[in-house]
PDB file of N, CA and C in Angstrom:
ATOM      1  N   MET A   1    -119.645 -14.836  52.847  1.00  0.00           N
ATOM      2  CA  MET A   1    -121.044 -15.114  53.008  1.00  0.00           C
ATOM      3  C   MET A   1    -120.007 -16.647  52.951  1.00  0.00           C
ATOM      4  N   HIS A   2    -120.877 -17.331  54.328  1.00  0.00           N
ATOM      5  CA  HIS A   2    -119.619 -17.816  54.800  1.00  0.00           C
ATOM      6  C   HIS A   2    -120.147 -19.430  54.308  1.00  0.00           C
ATOM      7  N   ARG A   3    -119.786 -19.929  53.676  1.00  0.00           N
ATOM      8  CA  ARG A   3    -119.951 -21.592  52.946  1.00  0.00           C
ATOM      9  C   ARG A   3    -119.845 -22.691  53.945  1.00  0.00           C
ATOM     10  N   ALA A   4    -120.633 -23.850  53.861  1.00  0.00           N
ATOM     11  CA  ALA A   4    -120.061 -24.563  54.376  1.00  0.00           C
ATOM     12  C   ALA A   4    -119.752 -25.563  53.889  1.00  0.00           C
ATOM     13  N   LEU A   5    -120.395 -26.413  53.087  1.00  0.00           N
ATOM     14  CA  LEU A   5    -120.792 -27.768  52.252  1.00  0.00           C
ATOM     15  C   LEU A   5    -120.630 -26.986  51.281  1.00  0.00           C
ATOM     16  N   SER A   6    -120.059 -27.294  49.622  1.00  0.00           N
ATOM     17  CA  SER A   6    -120.732 -26.839  48.443  1.00  0.00           C
ATOM     18  C   SER A   6    -121.147 -28.265  47.807  1.00  0.00           C
ATOM     19  N   LEU A   7    -122.211 -28.402  47.378  1.00  0.00           N
ATOM     20  CA  LEU A   7    -122.864 -29.342  46.630  1.00  0.00           C
ATOM     21  C   LEU A   7    -122.776 -28.087  45.178  1.00  0.00           C
ATOM     22  N   VAL A   8    -122.084 -29.140  44.240  1.00  0.00           N
ATOM     23  CA  VAL A   8    -122.283 -28.671  42.656  1.00  0.00           C
ATOM     24  C   VAL A   8    -121.781 -29.455  42.460  1.00  0.00           C
ATOM     25  N   ALA A   9    -122.357 -29.447  40.128  1.00  0.00           N
ATOM     26  CA  ALA A   9    -122.566 -29.968  39.382  1.00  0.00           C
ATOM     27  C   ALA A   9    -122.878 -29.280  38.047  1.00  0.00           C
ATOM     28  N   VAL A  10    -122.449 -29.077  36.966  1.00  0.00           N
ATOM     29  CA  VAL A  10    -122.710 -28.256  36.317  1.00  0.00           C
ATOM     30  C   VAL A  10    -124.407 -28.404  35.628  1.00  0.00           C
ATOM     31  N   GLY A  11    -124.906 -27.131  35.915  1.00  0.00           N
ATOM     32  CA  GLY A  11    -126.682 -27.555  35.408  1.00  0.00           C
ATOM     33  C   GLY A  11    -126.818 -26.320  35.449  1.00  0.00           C
ATOM     34  N   ILE A  12    -128.697 -26.336  35.079  1.00  0.00           N
ATOM     35  CA  ILE A  12    -129.318 -24.928  34.691  1.00  0.00           C
ATOM     36  C   ILE A  12    -129.989 -24.465  36.087  1.00  0.00           C
ATOM     37  N   GLY A  13    -128.836 -23.292  36.861  1.00  0.00           N
ATOM     38  CA  GLY A  13    -129.809 -22.859  37.812  1.00  0.00           C
ATOM     39  C   GLY A  13    -129.314 -23.872  38.968  1.00  0.00           C
ATOM     40  N   ALA A  14    -130.426 -23.856  39.434  1.00  0.00           N
ATOM     41  CA  ALA A  14    -130.263 -24.878  41.224  1.00  0.00           C
ATOM     42  C   ALA A  14    -131.087 -25.905  41.064  1.00  0.00           C
ATOM     43  N   VAL A  15    -132.007 -25.782  40.554  1.00  0.00           N
ATOM     44  CA  VAL A  15    -132.765 -27.299  40.107  1.00  0.00           C
ATOM     45  C   VAL A  15    -132.867 -27.669  38.821  1.00  0.00           C
ATOM     46  N   ALA A  16    -132.313 -28.597  38.255  1.00  0.00           N
ATOM     47  CA  ALA A  16    -132.637 -29.675  37.263  1.00  0.00           C
ATOM     48  C   ALA A  16    -133.422 -30.132  36.239  1.00  0.00           C
ATOM     49  N   LEU A  17    -134.506 -29.935  35.529  1.00  0.00           N
ATOM     50  CA  LEU A  17    -135.343 -30.394  35.280  1.00  0.00           C
ATOM     51  C   LEU A  17    -135.118 -31.338  34.166  1.00  0.00           C
ATOM     52  N   ALA A  18    -135.589 -33.016  34.533  1.00  0.00           N
ATOM     53  CA  ALA A  18    -135.791 -33.940  32.826  1.00  0.00           C
ATOM     54  C   ALA A  18    -136.659 -33.362  31.857  1.00  0.00           C
ATOM     55  N   ALA A  19    -136.058 -33.903  30.598  1.00  0.00           N
ATOM     56  CA  ALA A  19    -137.129 -33.479  29.681  1.00  0.00           C
ATOM     57  C   ALA A  19    -138.557 -35.260  29.765  1.00  0.00           C
ATOM     58  N   CYS A  20    -139.514 -34.503  29.385  1.00  0.00           N
ATOM     59  CA  CYS A  20    -140.990 -35.308  29.629  1.00  0.00           C
ATOM     60  C   CYS A  20    -140.750 -36.109  28.825  1.00  0.00           C
ATOM     61  N   GLY A  21    -141.200 -37.490  30.056  1.00  0.00           N
ATOM     62  CA  GLY A  21    -140.646 -39.047  28.961  1.00  0.00           C
ATOM     63  C   GLY A  21    -139.524 -39.267  28.810  1.00  0.00           C
ATOM     64  N   ASP A  22    -138.475 -38.351  28.878  1.00  0.00           N
ATOM     65  CA  ASP A  22    -137.126 -39.148  27.914  1.00  0.00           C
ATOM     66  C   ASP A  22    -136.179 -39.262  30.168  1.00  0.00           C
ATOM     67  N   SER A  23    -135.620 -40.378  29.335  1.00  0.00           N
ATOM     68  CA  SER A  23    -134.691 -40.315  30.429  1.00  0.00           C
ATOM     69  C   SER A  23    -133.505 -39.668  30.385  1.00  0.00           C
ATOM     70  N   SER A  24    -133.016 -38.953  31.102  1.00  0.00           N
ATOM     71  CA  SER A  24    -131.925 -37.978  30.858  1.00  0.00           C
ATOM     72  C   SER A  24    -130.972 -37.935  31.893  1.00  0.00           C
ATOM     73  N   THR A  25    -130.133 -37.361  32.308  1.00  0.00           N
ATOM     74  CA  THR A  25    -128.646 -36.893  33.273  1.00  0.00           C
ATOM     75  C   THR A  25    -129.105 -35.472  33.916  1.00  0.00           C
ATOM     76  N   ASP A  26    -130.141 -35.437  35.251  1.00  0.00           N
ATOM     77  CA  ASP A  26    -129.747 -34.457  36.098  1.00  0.00           C
ATOM     78  C   ASP A  26    -129.059 -33.864  36.397  1.00  0.00           C
ATOM     79  N   HIS A  27    -128.460 -32.551  36.544  1.00  0.00           N
ATOM     80  CA  HIS A  27    -126.561 -31.515  37.060  1.00  0.00           C
ATOM     81  C   HIS A  27    -127.057 -30.846  37.987  1.00  0.00           C
ATOM     82  N   LEU A  28    -127.575 -31.526  39.264  1.00  0.00           N
ATOM     83  CA  LEU A  28    -127.844 -30.334  40.553  1.00  0.00           C
ATOM     84  C   LEU A  28    -126.755 -29.716  40.661  1.00  0.00           C
ATOM     85  N   LYS A  29    -126.832 -28.207  41.389  1.00  0.00           N
ATOM     86  CA  LYS A  29    -126.106 -27.524  42.058  1.00  0.00           C
ATOM     87  C   LYS A  29    -127.107 -26.663  43.345  1.00  0.00           C
ATOM     88  N   ILE A  30    -126.161 -27.128  44.252  1.00  0.00           N
ATOM     89  CA  ILE A  30    -126.903 -26.964  45.330  1.00  0.00           C
ATOM     90  C   ILE A  30    -125.552 -26.523  45.879  1.00  0.00           C
ATOM     91  N   ARG A  31    -126.063 -25.281  47.362  1.00  0.00           N
ATOM     92  CA  ARG A  31    -124.586 -24.552  48.077  1.00  0.00           C
ATOM     93  C   ARG A  31    -125.070 -24.701  49.108  1.00  0.00           C
ATOM     94  N   ASP A  32    -124.656 -25.094  50.573  1.00  0.00           N
ATOM     95  CA  ASP A  32    -124.461 -24.507  51.918  1.00  0.00           C
ATOM     96  C   ASP A  32    -124.268 -23.982  52.611  1.00  0.00           C
ATOM     97  N   VAL A  33    -124.941 -23.067  53.406  1.00  0.00           N
ATOM     98  CA  VAL A  33    -124.957 -21.588  53.324  1.00  0.00           C
ATOM     99  C   VAL A  33    -125.318 -21.733  54.857  1.00  0.00           C
ATOM    100  N   LEU A  34    -124.784 -20.664  55.194  1.00  0.00           N
ATOM    101  CA  LEU A  34    -125.733 -19.558  56.315  1.00  0.00           C
ATOM    102  C   LEU A  34    -127.514 -19.028  56.340  1.00  0.00           C
ATOM    103  N   ILE A  35    -128.253 -19.638  56.884  1.00  0.00           N
ATOM    104  CA  ILE A  35    -129.577 -19.633  56.818  1.00  0.00           C
ATOM    105  C   ILE A  35    -129.655 -19.078  58.318  1.00  0.00           C
ATOM    106  N   ASN A  36    -130.343 -17.975  58.628  1.00  0.00           N
ATOM    107  CA  ASN A  36    -130.494 -17.148  59.515  1.00  0.00           C
ATOM    108  C   ASN A  36    -129.942 -17.515  60.578  1.00  0.00           C
ATOM    109  N   GLY A  37    -128.390 -18.128  60.735  1.00  0.00           N
ATOM    110  CA  GLY A  37    -127.625 -17.802  61.238  1.00  0.00           C
ATOM    111  C   GLY A  37    -127.055 -19.557  61.596  1.00  0.00           C
ATOM    112  N   LYS A  38    -127.915 -20.032  60.821  1.00  0.00           N
ATOM    113  CA  LYS A  38    -127.448 -21.566  60.643  1.00  0.00           C
ATOM    114  C   LYS A  38    -126.722 -21.965  59.222  1.00  0.00           C
ATOM    115  N   PRO A  39    -126.294 -23.777  59.815  1.00  0.00           N
ATOM    116  CA  PRO A  39    -125.556 -24.192  58.341  1.00  0.00           C
ATOM    117  C   PRO A  39    -127.635 -24.477  57.602  1.00  0.00           C
ATOM    118  N   GLY A  40    -127.366 -24.389  56.203  1.00  0.00           N
ATOM    119  CA  GLY A  40    -128.733 -25.016  55.465  1.00  0.00           C
ATOM    120  C   GLY A  40    -128.308 -25.023  54.175  1.00  0.00           C
ATOM    121  N   PHE A  41    -129.235 -26.441  53.105  1.00  0.00           N
ATOM    122  CA  PHE A  41    -128.914 -26.048  52.244  1.00  0.00           C
ATOM    123  C   PHE A  41    -129.738 -24.718  51.163  1.00  0.00           C
ATOM    124  N   SER A  42    -128.603 -23.939  49.858  1.00  0.00           N
ATOM    125  CA  SER A  42    -128.700 -22.944  49.658  1.00  0.00           C
ATOM    126  C   SER A  42    -130.386 -23.179  48.669  1.00  0.00           C
ATOM    127  N   VAL A  43    -131.090 -24.393  48.010  1.00  0.00           N
ATOM    128  CA  VAL A  43    -132.142 -25.024  47.821  1.00  0.00           C
ATOM    129  C   VAL A  43    -133.378 -25.762  48.294  1.00  0.00           C
ATOM    130  N   GLU A  44    -134.109 -24.719  48.908  1.00  0.00           N
ATOM    131  CA  GLU A  44    -134.664 -26.278  49.469  1.00  0.00           C
ATOM    132  C   GLU A  44    -135.690 -27.017  48.865  1.00  0.00           C
ATOM    133  N   THR A  45    -136.084 -26.962  47.138  1.00  0.00           N
ATOM    134  CA  THR A  45    -136.587 -27.702  46.798  1.00  0.00           C
ATOM    135  C   THR A  45    -135.713 -28.350  45.155  1.00  0.00           C
ATOM    136  N   VAL A  46    -135.052 -29.567  45.400  1.00  0.00           N
ATOM    137  CA  VAL A  46    -134.363 -30.666  43.889  1.00  0.00           C
ATOM    138  C   VAL A  46    -135.585 -30.635  43.102  1.00  0.00           C
ATOM    139  N   THR A  47    -135.738 -31.055  41.843  1.00  0.00           N
ATOM    140  CA  THR A  47    -136.673 -31.349  41.292  1.00  0.00           C
ATOM    141  C   THR A  47    -135.980 -32.373  40.191  1.00  0.00           C
ATOM    142  N   VAL A  48    -136.637 -33.241  39.773  1.00  0.00           N
ATOM    143  CA  VAL A  48    -135.930 -34.715  39.093  1.00  0.00           C
ATOM    144  C   VAL A  48    -136.946 -34.956  38.599  1.00  0.00           C
ATOM    145  N   THR A  49    -136.593 -36.149  37.298  1.00  0.00           N
ATOM    146  CA  THR A  49    -138.172 -36.728  37.084  1.00  0.00           C
ATOM    147  C   THR A  49    -137.515 -37.889  37.101  1.00  0.00           C
ATOM    148  N   LYS A  50    -138.772 -38.919  37.716  1.00  0.00           N
ATOM    149  CA  LYS A  50    -138.734 -40.294  37.980  1.00  0.00           C
ATOM    150  C   LYS A  50    -137.717 -41.048  36.485  1.00  0.00           C
ATOM    151  N   GLY A  51    -136.604 -41.827  36.533  1.00  0.00           N
ATOM    152  CA  GLY A  51    -135.984 -42.052  35.618  1.00  0.00           C
ATOM    153  C   GLY A  51    -134.736 -41.856  35.189  1.00  0.00           C
ATOM    154  N   ASP A  52    -134.689 -41.077  35.476  1.00  0.00           N
ATOM    155  CA  ASP A  52    -133.521 -39.719  35.478  1.00  0.00           C
ATOM    156  C   ASP A  52    -132.246 -40.229  36.199  1.00  0.00           C
ATOM    157  N   LYS A  53    -130.745 -40.122  35.640  1.00  0.00           N
ATOM    158  CA  LYS A  53    -129.624 -39.789  36.205  1.00  0.00           C
ATOM    159  C   LYS A  53    -129.497 -38.805  36.877  1.00  0.00           C
ATOM    160  N   VAL A  54    -129.016 -38.872  38.198  1.00  0.00           N
ATOM    161  CA  VAL A  54    -128.129 -37.869  39.172  1.00  0.00           C
ATOM    162  C   VAL A  54    -126.859 -37.621  39.464  1.00  0.00           C
ATOM    163  N   ASP A  55    -126.492 -36.769  38.841  1.00  0.00           N
ATOM    164  CA  ASP A  55    -125.328 -36.695  39.008  1.00  0.00           C
ATOM    165  C   ASP A  55    -125.115 -35.369  40.647  1.00  0.00           C
ATOM    166  N   LEU A  56    -124.080 -35.713  41.271  1.00  0.00           N
ATOM    167  CA  LEU A  56    -123.523 -34.454  41.934  1.00  0.00           C
ATOM    168  C   LEU A  56    -122.218 -34.594  41.793  1.00  0.00           C
ATOM    169  N   ARG A  57    -121.780 -33.694  42.594  1.00  0.00           N
ATOM    170  CA  ARG A  57    -119.776 -33.525  43.191  1.00  0.00           C
ATOM    171  C   ARG A  57    -120.539 -32.519  44.541  1.00  0.00           C
ATOM    172  N   ILE A  58    -119.761 -32.976  45.196  1.00  0.00           N
ATOM    173  CA  ILE A  58    -119.562 -32.451  46.757  1.00  0.00           C
ATOM    174  C   ILE A  58    -118.092 -31.866  47.155  1.00  0.00           C
ATOM    175  N   ASP A  59    -118.240 -30.714  47.245  1.00  0.00           N
ATOM    176  CA  ASP A  59    -117.492 -30.197  47.776  1.00  0.00           C
ATOM    177  C   ASP A  59    -117.135 -29.493  49.308  1.00  0.00           C
ATOM    178  N   ASN A  60    -116.651 -29.814  50.074  1.00  0.00           N
ATOM    179  CA  ASN A  60    -116.671 -29.202  51.472  1.00  0.00           C
ATOM    180  C   ASN A  60    -115.436 -28.417  51.868  1.00  0.00           C
ATOM    181  N   ASN A  61    -116.225 -26.924  52.439  1.00  0.00           N
ATOM    182  CA  ASN A  61    -114.120 -25.951  52.137  1.00  0.00           C
ATOM    183  C   ASN A  61    -114.556 -25.912  53.837  1.00  0.00           C
ATOM    184  N   LEU A  62    -114.639 -26.254  55.168  1.00  0.00           N
ATOM    185  CA  LEU A  62    -115.329 -26.217  56.205  1.00  0.00           C
ATOM    186  C   LEU A  62    -113.753 -27.265  56.879  1.00  0.00           C
ATOM    187  N   PRO A  63    -112.902 -26.607  57.970  1.00  0.00           N
ATOM    188  CA  PRO A  63    -112.035 -27.951  58.239  1.00  0.00           C
ATOM    189  C   PRO A  63    -112.668 -29.308  58.549  1.00  0.00           C
ATOM    190  N   ALA A  64    -114.104 -29.349  58.662  1.00  0.00           N
ATOM    191  CA  ALA A  64    -114.644 -29.764  60.207  1.00  0.00           C
ATOM    192  C   ALA A  64    -115.166 -30.960  58.797  1.00  0.00           C
ATOM    193  N   PRO A  65    -115.525 -32.136  58.548  1.00  0.00           N
ATOM    194  CA  PRO A  65    -116.873 -33.290  57.939  1.00  0.00           C
ATOM    195  C   PRO A  65    -117.801 -32.465  57.430  1.00  0.00           C
ATOM    196  N   HIS A  66    -118.277 -33.081  57.122  1.00  0.00           N
ATOM    197  CA  HIS A  66    -119.808 -32.169  56.691  1.00  0.00           C
ATOM    198  C   HIS A  66    -120.279 -34.015  56.047  1.00  0.00           C
ATOM    199  N   GLY A  67    -122.436 -34.374  56.526  1.00  0.00           N
ATOM    200  CA  GLY A  67    -122.980 -35.405  55.990  1.00  0.00           C
ATOM    201  C   GLY A  67    -123.982 -34.825  54.436  1.00  0.00           C
ATOM    202  N   PHE A  68    -124.224 -35.647  53.816  1.00  0.00           N
ATOM    203  CA  PHE A  68    -124.974 -35.574  53.401  1.00  0.00           C
ATOM    204  C   PHE A  68    -125.501 -37.173  52.828  1.00  0.00           C
ATOM    205  N   SER A  69    -126.846 -37.048  53.318  1.00  0.00           N
ATOM    206  CA  SER A  69    -128.083 -38.321  53.318  1.00  0.00           C
ATOM    207  C   SER A  69    -129.019 -37.636  52.006  1.00  0.00           C
ATOM    208  N   ILE A  70    -129.743 -38.886  51.631  1.00  0.00           N
ATOM    209  CA  ILE A  70    -130.803 -39.261  50.848  1.00  0.00           C
ATOM    210  C   ILE A  70    -131.335 -41.095  51.838  1.00  0.00           C
ATOM    211  N   ASP A  71    -131.707 -40.368  52.704  1.00  0.00           N
ATOM    212  CA  ASP A  71    -132.383 -42.371  53.231  1.00  0.00           C
ATOM    213  C   ASP A  71    -133.130 -42.838  52.475  1.00  0.00           C
ATOM    214  N   ALA A  72    -134.709 -42.792  51.401  1.00  0.00           N
ATOM    215  CA  ALA A  72    -134.711 -43.546  50.521  1.00  0.00           C
ATOM    216  C   ALA A  72    -133.783 -43.594  49.261  1.00  0.00           C
ATOM    217  N   TYR A  73    -132.905 -43.313  49.072  1.00  0.00           N
ATOM    218  CA  TYR A  73    -131.990 -44.482  48.386  1.00  0.00           C
ATOM    219  C   TYR A  73    -130.630 -44.319  48.844  1.00  0.00           C
ATOM    220  N   GLY A  74    -130.420 -44.823  49.942  1.00  0.00           N
ATOM    221  CA  GLY A  74    -129.783 -45.307  50.454  1.00  0.00           C
ATOM    222  C   GLY A  74    -128.323 -44.053  50.888  1.00  0.00           C
ATOM    223  N   ILE A  75    -128.373 -42.929  50.348  1.00  0.00           N
ATOM    224  CA  ILE A  75    -127.029 -42.279  50.391  1.00  0.00           C
ATOM    225  C   ILE A  75    -126.584 -42.043  51.462  1.00  0.00           C
ATOM    226  N   HIS A  76    -125.592 -41.908  51.715  1.00  0.00           N
ATOM    227  CA  HIS A  76    -124.785 -41.401  53.433  1.00  0.00           C
ATOM    228  C   HIS A  76    -123.870 -40.831  53.117  1.00  0.00           C
ATOM    229  N   ARG A  77    -123.058 -39.789  52.961  1.00  0.00           N
ATOM    230  CA  ARG A  77    -122.049 -39.163  52.853  1.00  0.00           C
ATOM    231  C   ARG A  77    -120.611 -38.900  53.589  1.00  0.00           C
ATOM    232  N   VAL A  78    -119.784 -38.800  54.022  1.00  0.00           N
ATOM    233  CA  VAL A  78    -119.542 -37.835  55.192  1.00  0.00           C
ATOM    234  C   VAL A  78    -118.270 -37.627  53.853  1.00  0.00           C
ATOM    235  N   VAL A  79    -118.198 -36.179  53.551  1.00  0.00           N
ATOM    236  CA  VAL A  79    -117.020 -35.542  52.965  1.00  0.00           C
ATOM    237  C   VAL A  79    -116.338 -34.618  53.746  1.00  0.00           C
ATOM    238  N   GLN A  80    -115.026 -35.046  53.631  1.00  0.00           N
ATOM    239  CA  GLN A  80    -113.480 -34.400  54.300  1.00  0.00           C
ATOM    240  C   GLN A  80    -113.611 -33.238  53.797  1.00  0.00           C
ATOM    241  N   PRO A  81    -112.782 -32.058  54.488  1.00  0.00           N
ATOM    242  CA  PRO A  81    -113.084 -31.091  53.953  1.00  0.00           C
ATOM    243  C   PRO A  81    -111.734 -31.508  52.826  1.00  0.00           C
ATOM    244  N   ARG A  82    -112.345 -30.354  51.581  1.00  0.00           N
ATOM    245  CA  ARG A  82    -111.122 -30.442  49.801  1.00  0.00           C
ATOM    246  C   ARG A  82    -111.154 -31.772  49.470  1.00  0.00           C
ATOM    247  N   ARG A  83    -112.156 -32.367  50.083  1.00  0.00           N
ATOM    248  CA  ARG A  83    -111.650 -34.194  49.326  1.00  0.00           C
ATOM    249  C   ARG A  83    -113.161 -34.274  48.510  1.00  0.00           C
ATOM    250  N   PRO A  84    -113.759 -33.218  47.264  1.00  0.00           N
ATOM    251  CA  PRO A  84    -114.420 -33.237  46.693  1.00  0.00           C
ATOM    252  C   PRO A  84    -114.467 -35.226  46.299  1.00  0.00           C
ATOM    253  N   GLN A  85    -116.100 -35.391  45.883  1.00  0.00           N
ATOM    254  CA  GLN A  85    -116.633 -36.323  46.168  1.00  0.00           C
ATOM    255  C   GLN A  85    -117.489 -36.069  44.851  1.00  0.00           C
ATOM    256  N   GLU A  86    -117.622 -37.261  43.742  1.00  0.00           N
ATOM    257  CA  GLU A  86    -119.117 -37.896  42.997  1.00  0.00           C
ATOM    258  C   GLU A  86    -119.919 -38.407  42.793  1.00  0.00           C
ATOM    259  N   LEU A  87    -120.797 -37.859  43.459  1.00  0.00           N
ATOM    260  CA  LEU A  87    -122.378 -39.037  42.916  1.00  0.00           C
ATOM    261  C   LEU A  87    -123.121 -39.027  42.425  1.00  0.00           C
ATOM    262  N   THR A  88    -123.230 -40.573  42.140  1.00  0.00           N
ATOM    263  CA  THR A  88    -124.547 -40.322  41.363  1.00  0.00           C
ATOM    264  C   THR A  88    -125.452 -41.615  41.329  1.00  0.00           C
ATOM    265  N   PHE A  89    -126.857 -41.541  41.488  1.00  0.00           N
ATOM    266  CA  PHE A  89    -127.938 -42.439  41.204  1.00  0.00           C
ATOM    267  C   PHE A  89    -129.047 -41.964  40.101  1.00  0.00           C
ATOM    268  N   THR A  90    -129.554 -43.425  40.550  1.00  0.00           N
ATOM    269  CA  THR A  90    -131.014 -42.991  39.821  1.00  0.00           C
ATOM    270  C   THR A  90    -131.741 -43.339  40.520  1.00  0.00           C
ATOM    271  N   ALA A  91    -133.050 -42.127  39.925  1.00  0.00           N
ATOM    272  CA  ALA A  91    -134.210 -41.789  40.542  1.00  0.00           C
ATOM    273  C   ALA A  91    -135.198 -42.898  40.224  1.00  0.00           C
ATOM    274  N   SER A  92    -135.478 -43.867  40.786  1.00  0.00           N
ATOM    275  CA  SER A  92    -135.839 -44.904  40.423  1.00  0.00           C
ATOM    276  C   SER A  92    -137.138 -44.889  41.558  1.00  0.00           C
ATOM    277  N   LYS A  93    -137.552 -43.966  42.417  1.00  0.00           N
ATOM    278  CA  LYS A  93    -138.710 -44.301  43.122  1.00  0.00           C
ATOM    279  C   LYS A  93    -138.881 -42.312  43.270  1.00  0.00           C
ATOM    280  N   ALA A  94    -140.801 -42.226  42.962  1.00  0.00           N
ATOM    281  CA  ALA A  94    -141.133 -40.757  41.981  1.00  0.00           C
ATOM    282  C   ALA A  94    -141.713 -40.578  44.053  1.00  0.00           C
ATOM    283  N   GLY A  95    -141.639 -39.056  43.980  1.00  0.00           N
ATOM    284  CA  GLY A  95    -141.361 -38.989  45.905  1.00  0.00           C
ATOM    285  C   GLY A  95    -140.773 -37.672  46.582  1.00  0.00           C
ATOM    286  N   THR A  96    -141.512 -37.612  47.741  1.00  0.00           N
ATOM    287  CA  THR A  96    -140.496 -36.315  48.520  1.00  0.00           C
ATOM    288  C   THR A  96    -139.741 -36.662  49.442  1.00  0.00           C
ATOM    289  N   PHE A  97    -137.989 -36.569  49.514  1.00  0.00           N
ATOM    290  CA  PHE A  97    -137.449 -36.853  50.471  1.00  0.00           C
ATOM    291  C   PHE A  97    -137.047 -36.223  50.561  1.00  0.00           C
ATOM    292  N   ARG A  98    -136.204 -36.443  51.893  1.00  0.00           N
ATOM    293  CA  ARG A  98    -136.045 -35.400  52.697  1.00  0.00           C
ATOM    294  C   ARG A  98    -133.566 -35.042  51.709  1.00  0.00           C
ATOM    295  N   ILE A  99    -133.418 -33.933  52.228  1.00  0.00           N
ATOM    296  CA  ILE A  99    -131.588 -34.127  51.541  1.00  0.00           C
ATOM    297  C   ILE A  99    -131.413 -33.539  53.210  1.00  0.00           C
ATOM    298  N   TYR A 100    -130.254 -33.742  53.595  1.00  0.00           N
ATOM    299  CA  TYR A 100    -129.820 -33.444  55.609  1.00  0.00           C
ATOM    300  C   TYR A 100    -128.533 -33.903  55.067  1.00  0.00           C
ATOM    301  N   CYS A 101    -127.919 -33.527  56.435  1.00  0.00           N
ATOM    302  CA  CYS A 101    -126.988 -32.945  56.747  1.00  0.00           C
ATOM    303  C   CYS A 101    -126.388 -34.087  57.984  1.00  0.00           C
ATOM    304  N   GLN A 102    -126.099 -36.193  58.262  1.00  0.00           N
ATOM    305  CA  GLN A 102    -126.209 -36.866  59.144  1.00  0.00           C
ATOM    306  C   GLN A 102    -125.402 -36.508  60.884  1.00  0.00           C
ATOM    307  N   LEU A 103    -124.413 -35.322  59.965  1.00  0.00           N
ATOM    308  CA  LEU A 103    -123.296 -35.074  60.868  1.00  0.00           C
ATOM    309  C   LEU A 103    -124.050 -34.501  61.837  1.00  0.00           C
ATOM    310  N   HIS A 104    -124.498 -33.157  61.658  1.00  0.00           N
ATOM    311  CA  HIS A 104    -125.125 -31.975  62.415  1.00  0.00           C
ATOM    312  C   HIS A 104    -126.343 -31.770  62.461  1.00  0.00           C
ATOM    313  N   PRO A 105    -127.664 -32.220  63.340  1.00  0.00           N
ATOM    314  CA  PRO A 105    -128.767 -32.378  62.896  1.00  0.00           C
ATOM    315  C   PRO A 105    -129.991 -30.850  63.143  1.00  0.00           C
ATOM    316  N   ALA A 106    -128.876 -29.790  63.319  1.00  0.00           N
ATOM    317  CA  ALA A 106    -129.612 -28.418  63.748  1.00  0.00           C
ATOM    318  C   ALA A 106    -128.808 -27.885  61.811  1.00  0.00           C
ATOM    319  N   HIS A 107    -128.436 -28.634  61.165  1.00  0.00           N
ATOM    320  CA  HIS A 107    -128.324 -27.677  60.155  1.00  0.00           C
ATOM    321  C   HIS A 107    -129.852 -28.504  59.009  1.00  0.00           C
ATOM    322  N   GLN A 108    -129.592 -27.137  58.246  1.00  0.00           N
ATOM    323  CA  GLN A 108    -131.681 -27.634  57.823  1.00  0.00           C
ATOM    324  C   GLN A 108    -131.331 -28.361  56.654  1.00  0.00           C
ATOM    325  N   PRO A 109    -132.633 -28.813  56.153  1.00  0.00           N
ATOM    326  CA  PRO A 109    -132.466 -29.772  55.489  1.00  0.00           C
ATOM    327  C   PRO A 109    -132.946 -29.563  54.427  1.00  0.00           C
ATOM    328  N   ALA A 110    -132.943 -29.890  52.823  1.00  0.00           N
ATOM    329  CA  ALA A 110    -133.316 -29.708  51.702  1.00  0.00           C
ATOM    330  C   ALA A 110    -134.491 -30.400  50.820  1.00  0.00           C
ATOM    331  N   THR A 111    -135.050 -30.396  49.788  1.00  0.00           N
ATOM    332  CA  THR A 111    -135.569 -31.856  49.588  1.00  0.00           C
ATOM    333  C   THR A 111    -135.852 -32.555  48.185  1.00  0.00           C
ATOM    334  N   LEU A 112    -135.479 -33.594  48.284  1.00  0.00           N
ATOM    335  CA  LEU A 112    -135.957 -33.733  46.975  1.00  0.00           C
ATOM    336  C   LEU A 112    -137.106 -34.574  46.368  1.00  0.00           C
ATOM    337  N   LEU A 113    -137.556 -34.232  45.542  1.00  0.00           N
ATOM    338  CA  LEU A 113    -138.834 -33.840  44.642  1.00  0.00           C
ATOM    339  C   LEU A 113    -138.336 -34.918  43.318  1.00  0.00           C
ATOM    340  N   VAL A 114    -138.867 -36.803  43.550  1.00  0.00           N
ATOM    341  CA  VAL A 114    -138.613 -36.689  42.297  1.00  0.00           C
ATOM    342  C   VAL A 114    -140.631 -37.207  41.408  1.00  0.00           C
ATOM    343  N   VAL A 115    -140.758 -36.549  40.408  1.00  0.00           N
ATOM    344  CA  VAL A 115    -142.137 -36.682  39.659  1.00  0.00           C
ATOM    345  C   VAL A 115    -142.010 -37.874  38.708  1.00  0.00           C
ATOM    346  N   ASP A 116    -143.402 -37.618  38.556  1.00  0.00           N
ATOM    347  CA  ASP A 116    -143.956 -39.826  37.166  1.00  0.00           C
ATOM    348  C   ASP A 116    -143.380 -38.584  36.618  1.00  0.00           C
TER     349      ASP A 116
END
């Protein structure tokens, strides 16, 4: 399998869920893989609870840079090959938000769902 970009953190499966009513830290695991011949995120929807801290580790195993963006949270990263980045933000707004590669418009996006 061809992997373009890995977004990796220790977590429970591909989607991390927070405990009800408690502020906690969500650890996400997302991989960029080929889907029907096009790069895309392996998880369609990532669900976290509003108020929680979200930790990501972003890896890029390809020779070219790749992006990771969530506009609603002001996140716009360019991940260079073999130079992992760590990213932390607080899920302060409830709603549905697009996760996408700002460098490659054909890259299939994912969704961040922040629930109350």
